[in-house]
Amino acid sequence: MKKIILSLAMFAISMALLITVIIPLAEHGKENGQKVETQMDTIDTKINSLSTAIAR
């Protein structure tokens, strides 16, 4: 019985850690990734417009 209670307590601690730390960090990484992707698209567009101007 003591092992079951200990296992449930450890499970509760791990779920609390997952909810309070890991998920917010993952969402923060997703937001930063989307921001960087937008910046890369802008840079690609500017480089492409510059290369067509040079070719003419």
PDB file of N, CA and C in Angstrom:
ATOM      1  N   MET A   1       0.821  -1.191   0.000  1.00  0.00           N
ATOM      2  CA  MET A   1       0.000   0.000   0.000  1.00  0.00           C
ATOM      3  C   MET A   1       0.875   1.269   0.000  1.00  0.00           C
ATOM      4  N   LYS A   2       1.982   1.185   0.727  1.00  0.00           N
ATOM      5  CA  LYS A   2       2.876   2.336   0.798  1.00  0.00           C
ATOM      6  C   LYS A   2       3.481   2.644  -0.574  1.00  0.00           C
ATOM      7  N   LYS A   3       3.791   1.599  -1.347  1.00  0.00           N
ATOM      8  CA  LYS A   3       4.351   1.807  -2.686  1.00  0.00           C
ATOM      9  C   LYS A   3       3.335   2.438  -3.623  1.00  0.00           C
ATOM     10  N   ILE A   4       2.079   2.087  -3.493  1.00  0.00           N
ATOM     11  CA  ILE A   4       1.029   2.669  -4.344  1.00  0.00           C
ATOM     12  C   ILE A   4       0.883   4.154  -4.051  1.00  0.00           C
ATOM     13  N   ILE A   5       0.864   4.508  -2.781  1.00  0.00           N
ATOM     14  CA  ILE A   5       0.751   5.920  -2.398  1.00  0.00           C
ATOM     15  C   ILE A   5       1.967   6.693  -2.880  1.00  0.00           C
ATOM     16  N   LEU A   6       3.138   6.122  -2.721  1.00  0.00           N
ATOM     17  CA  LEU A   6       4.364   6.775  -3.188  1.00  0.00           C
ATOM     18  C   LEU A   6       4.334   6.948  -4.704  1.00  0.00           C
ATOM     19  N   SER A   7       3.860   5.941  -5.422  1.00  0.00           N
ATOM     20  CA  SER A   7       3.760   6.027  -6.877  1.00  0.00           C
ATOM     21  C   SER A   7       2.785   7.105  -7.302  1.00  0.00           C
ATOM     22  N   LEU A   8       1.649   7.197  -6.638  1.00  0.00           N
ATOM     23  CA  LEU A   8       0.670   8.248  -6.954  1.00  0.00           C
ATOM     24  C   LEU A   8       1.224   9.635  -6.663  1.00  0.00           C
ATOM     25  N   ALA A   9       1.971   9.764  -5.570  1.00  0.00           N
ATOM     26  CA  ALA A   9       2.578  11.057  -5.239  1.00  0.00           C
ATOM     27  C   ALA A   9       3.609  11.451  -6.289  1.00  0.00           C
ATOM     28  N   MET A  10       4.419  10.503  -6.711  1.00  0.00           N
ATOM     29  CA  MET A  10       5.420  10.794  -7.749  1.00  0.00           C
ATOM     30  C   MET A  10       4.747  11.151  -9.071  1.00  0.00           C
ATOM     31  N   PHE A  11       3.663  10.464  -9.394  1.00  0.00           N
ATOM     32  CA  PHE A  11       2.923  10.776 -10.613  1.00  0.00           C
ATOM     33  C   PHE A  11       2.348  12.182 -10.539  1.00  0.00           C
ATOM     34  N   ALA A  12       1.782  12.548  -9.388  1.00  0.00           N
ATOM     35  CA  ALA A  12       1.219  13.893  -9.219  1.00  0.00           C
ATOM     36  C   ALA A  12       2.302  14.962  -9.353  1.00  0.00           C
ATOM     37  N   ILE A  13       3.463  14.705  -8.795  1.00  0.00           N
ATOM     38  CA  ILE A  13       4.568  15.668  -8.911  1.00  0.00           C
ATOM     39  C   ILE A  13       5.024  15.794 -10.356  1.00  0.00           C
ATOM     40  N   SER A  14       5.128  14.682 -11.050  1.00  0.00           N
ATOM     41  CA  SER A  14       5.576  14.746 -12.452  1.00  0.00           C
ATOM     42  C   SER A  14       4.544  15.445 -13.325  1.00  0.00           C
ATOM     43  N   MET A  15       3.258  15.242 -13.075  1.00  0.00           N
ATOM     44  CA  MET A  15       2.228  15.937 -13.868  1.00  0.00           C
ATOM     45  C   MET A  15       2.254  17.439 -13.578  1.00  0.00           C
ATOM     46  N   ALA A  16       2.458  17.798 -12.312  1.00  0.00           N
ATOM     47  CA  ALA A  16       2.549  19.211 -11.961  1.00  0.00           C
ATOM     48  C   ALA A  16       3.749  19.863 -12.651  1.00  0.00           C
ATOM     49  N   LEU A  17       4.857  19.176 -12.689  1.00  0.00           N
ATOM     50  CA  LEU A  17       6.047  19.685 -13.364  1.00  0.00           C
ATOM     51  C   LEU A  17       5.788  19.848 -14.860  1.00  0.00           C
ATOM     52  N   LEU A  18       5.138  18.865 -15.445  1.00  0.00           N
ATOM     53  CA  LEU A  18       4.819  18.923 -16.867  1.00  0.00           C
ATOM     54  C   LEU A  18       3.927  20.122 -17.177  1.00  0.00           C
ATOM     55  N   ILE A  19       2.901  20.320 -16.390  1.00  0.00           N
ATOM     56  CA  ILE A  19       1.934  21.387 -16.653  1.00  0.00           C
ATOM     57  C   ILE A  19       2.527  22.759 -16.388  1.00  0.00           C
ATOM     58  N   THR A  20       3.318  22.907 -15.339  1.00  0.00           N
ATOM     59  CA  THR A  20       3.790  24.240 -14.959  1.00  0.00           C
ATOM     60  C   THR A  20       5.090  24.665 -15.623  1.00  0.00           C
ATOM     61  N   VAL A  21       5.899  23.716 -16.104  1.00  0.00           N
ATOM     62  CA  VAL A  21       7.208  24.085 -16.645  1.00  0.00           C
ATOM     63  C   VAL A  21       7.349  23.698 -18.111  1.00  0.00           C
ATOM     64  N   ILE A  22       7.144  22.459 -18.430  1.00  0.00           N
ATOM     65  CA  ILE A  22       7.491  21.960 -19.754  1.00  0.00           C
ATOM     66  C   ILE A  22       6.546  22.487 -20.829  1.00  0.00           C
ATOM     67  N   ILE A  23       5.256  22.474 -20.578  1.00  0.00           N
ATOM     68  CA  ILE A  23       4.305  22.951 -21.596  1.00  0.00           C
ATOM     69  C   ILE A  23       4.493  24.442 -21.890  1.00  0.00           C
ATOM     70  N   PRO A  24       4.612  25.316 -20.881  1.00  0.00           N
ATOM     71  CA  PRO A  24       4.875  26.729 -21.211  1.00  0.00           C
ATOM     72  C   PRO A  24       6.176  26.947 -21.987  1.00  0.00           C
ATOM     73  N   LEU A  25       7.216  26.175 -21.660  1.00  0.00           N
ATOM     74  CA  LEU A  25       8.467  26.302 -22.415  1.00  0.00           C
ATOM     75  C   LEU A  25       8.284  25.886 -23.871  1.00  0.00           C
ATOM     76  N   ALA A  26       7.517  24.839 -24.095  1.00  0.00           N
ATOM     77  CA  ALA A  26       7.266  24.389 -25.462  1.00  0.00           C
ATOM     78  C   ALA A  26       6.475  25.432 -26.239  1.00  0.00           C
ATOM     79  N   GLU A  27       5.495  26.050 -25.606  1.00  0.00           N
ATOM     80  CA  GLU A  27       4.715  27.091 -26.284  1.00  0.00           C
ATOM     81  C   GLU A  27       5.581  28.305 -26.589  1.00  0.00           C
ATOM     82  N   HIS A  28       6.468  28.649 -25.671  1.00  0.00           N
ATOM     83  CA  HIS A  28       7.370  29.777 -25.896  1.00  0.00           C
ATOM     84  C   HIS A  28       8.295  29.491 -27.083  1.00  0.00           C
ATOM     85  N   GLY A  29       8.783  28.272 -27.171  1.00  0.00           N
ATOM     86  CA  GLY A  29       9.629  27.891 -28.300  1.00  0.00           C
ATOM     87  C   GLY A  29       8.867  27.930 -29.611  1.00  0.00           C
ATOM     88  N   LYS A  30       7.610  27.540 -29.588  1.00  0.00           N
ATOM     89  CA  LYS A  30       6.784  27.575 -30.797  1.00  0.00           C
ATOM     90  C   LYS A  30       6.582  29.011 -31.261  1.00  0.00           C
ATOM     91  N   GLU A  31       6.303  29.924 -30.323  1.00  0.00           N
ATOM     92  CA  GLU A  31       6.110  31.335 -30.679  1.00  0.00           C
ATOM     93  C   GLU A  31       7.386  31.912 -31.289  1.00  0.00           C
ATOM     94  N   ASN A  32       8.527  31.617 -30.692  1.00  0.00           N
ATOM     95  CA  ASN A  32       9.801  32.120 -31.222  1.00  0.00           C
ATOM     96  C   ASN A  32      10.086  31.534 -32.598  1.00  0.00           C
ATOM     97  N   GLY A  33       9.780  30.262 -32.787  1.00  0.00           N
ATOM     98  CA  GLY A  33       9.991  29.633 -34.085  1.00  0.00           C
ATOM     99  C   GLY A  33       9.149  30.270 -35.180  1.00  0.00           C
ATOM    100  N   GLN A  34       7.907  30.591 -34.851  1.00  0.00           N
ATOM    101  CA  GLN A  34       7.036  31.239 -35.837  1.00  0.00           C
ATOM    102  C   GLN A  34       7.529  32.646 -36.156  1.00  0.00           C
ATOM    103  N   LYS A  35       8.033  33.346 -35.142  1.00  0.00           N
ATOM    104  CA  LYS A  35       8.550  34.699 -35.365  1.00  0.00           C
ATOM    105  C   LYS A  35       9.788  34.661 -36.261  1.00  0.00           C
ATOM    106  N   VAL A  36      10.664  33.712 -36.011  1.00  0.00           N
ATOM    107  CA  VAL A  36      11.873  33.574 -36.827  1.00  0.00           C
ATOM    108  C   VAL A  36      11.509  33.194 -38.257  1.00  0.00           C
ATOM    109  N   GLU A  37      10.517  32.326 -38.426  1.00  0.00           N
ATOM    110  CA  GLU A  37      10.099  31.931 -39.769  1.00  0.00           C
ATOM    111  C   GLU A  37       9.557  33.133 -40.548  1.00  0.00           C
ATOM    112  N   THR A  38       8.806  33.986 -39.881  1.00  0.00           N
ATOM    113  CA  THR A  38       8.300  35.194 -40.534  1.00  0.00           C
ATOM    114  C   THR A  38       9.452  36.110 -40.935  1.00  0.00           C
ATOM    115  N   GLN A  39      10.431  36.254 -40.064  1.00  0.00           N
ATOM    116  CA  GLN A  39      11.588  37.095 -40.376  1.00  0.00           C
ATOM    117  C   GLN A  39      12.381  36.519 -41.548  1.00  0.00           C
ATOM    118  N   MET A  40      12.524  35.203 -41.589  1.00  0.00           N
ATOM    119  CA  MET A  40      13.238  34.567 -42.703  1.00  0.00           C
ATOM    120  C   MET A  40      12.499  34.771 -44.024  1.00  0.00           C
ATOM    121  N   ASP A  41      11.169  34.680 -43.994  1.00  0.00           N
ATOM    122  CA  ASP A  41      10.392  34.919 -45.209  1.00  0.00           C
ATOM    123  C   ASP A  41      10.586  36.351 -45.706  1.00  0.00           C
ATOM    124  N   THR A  42      10.623  37.302 -44.778  1.00  0.00           N
ATOM    125  CA  THR A  42      10.842  38.701 -45.148  1.00  0.00           C
ATOM    126  C   THR A  42      12.231  38.876 -45.768  1.00  0.00           C
ATOM    127  N   ILE A  43      13.229  38.274 -45.167  1.00  0.00           N
ATOM    128  CA  ILE A  43      14.598  38.377 -45.688  1.00  0.00           C
ATOM    129  C   ILE A  43      14.692  37.724 -47.068  1.00  0.00           C
ATOM    130  N   ASP A  44      14.065  36.548 -47.242  1.00  0.00           N
ATOM    131  CA  ASP A  44      14.078  35.881 -48.546  1.00  0.00           C
ATOM    132  C   ASP A  44      13.434  36.750 -49.614  1.00  0.00           C
ATOM    133  N   THR A  45      12.332  37.396 -49.271  1.00  0.00           N
ATOM    134  CA  THR A  45      11.656  38.275 -50.224  1.00  0.00           C
ATOM    135  C   THR A  45      12.553  39.444 -50.618  1.00  0.00           C
ATOM    136  N   LYS A  46      13.219  40.042 -49.643  1.00  0.00           N
ATOM    137  CA  LYS A  46      14.094  41.181 -49.932  1.00  0.00           C
ATOM    138  C   LYS A  46      15.289  40.750 -50.786  1.00  0.00           C
ATOM    139  N   ILE A  47      15.860  39.592 -50.497  1.00  0.00           N
ATOM    140  CA  ILE A  47      16.998  39.102 -51.276  1.00  0.00           C
ATOM    141  C   ILE A  47      16.570  38.806 -52.708  1.00  0.00           C
ATOM    142  N   ASN A  48      15.407  38.196 -52.887  1.00  0.00           N
ATOM    143  CA  ASN A  48      14.915  37.905 -54.225  1.00  0.00           C
ATOM    144  C   ASN A  48      14.654  39.171 -55.013  1.00  0.00           C
ATOM    145  N   SER A  49      14.094  40.197 -54.365  1.00  0.00           N
ATOM    146  CA  SER A  49      13.852  41.446 -55.081  1.00  0.00           C
ATOM    147  C   SER A  49      15.172  42.125 -55.439  1.00  0.00           C
ATOM    148  N   LEU A  50      16.169  41.999 -54.614  1.00  0.00           N
ATOM    149  CA  LEU A  50      17.478  42.582 -54.891  1.00  0.00           C
ATOM    150  C   LEU A  50      18.150  41.842 -56.060  1.00  0.00           C
ATOM    151  N   SER A  51      18.028  40.532 -56.092  1.00  0.00           N
ATOM    152  CA  SER A  51      18.685  39.770 -57.160  1.00  0.00           C
ATOM    153  C   SER A  51      18.038  40.016 -58.510  1.00  0.00           C
ATOM    154  N   THR A  52      16.733  40.258 -58.542  1.00  0.00           N
ATOM    155  CA  THR A  52      16.101  40.574 -59.837  1.00  0.00           C
ATOM    156  C   THR A  52      16.504  41.959 -60.295  1.00  0.00           C
ATOM    157  N   ALA A  53      16.722  42.890 -59.369  1.00  0.00           N
ATOM    158  CA  ALA A  53      17.165  44.231 -59.746  1.00  0.00           C
ATOM    159  C   ALA A  53      18.586  44.202 -60.318  1.00  0.00           C
ATOM    160  N   ILE A  54      19.428  43.358 -59.799  1.00  0.00           N
ATOM    161  CA  ILE A  54      20.811  43.248 -60.281  1.00  0.00           C
ATOM    162  C   ILE A  54      20.858  42.609 -61.662  1.00  0.00           C
ATOM    163  N   ALA A  55      19.992  41.640 -61.893  1.00  0.00           N
ATOM    164  CA  ALA A  55      20.005  40.903 -63.162  1.00  0.00           C
ATOM    165  C   ALA A  55      19.613  41.771 -64.353  1.00  0.00           C
ATOM    166  N   ARG A  56      18.887  42.807 -64.126  1.00  0.00           N
ATOM    167  CA  ARG A  56      18.422  43.647 -65.243  1.00  0.00           C
ATOM    168  C   ARG A  56      19.443  44.582 -65.727  1.00  0.00           C
TER     169      ARG A  56
END
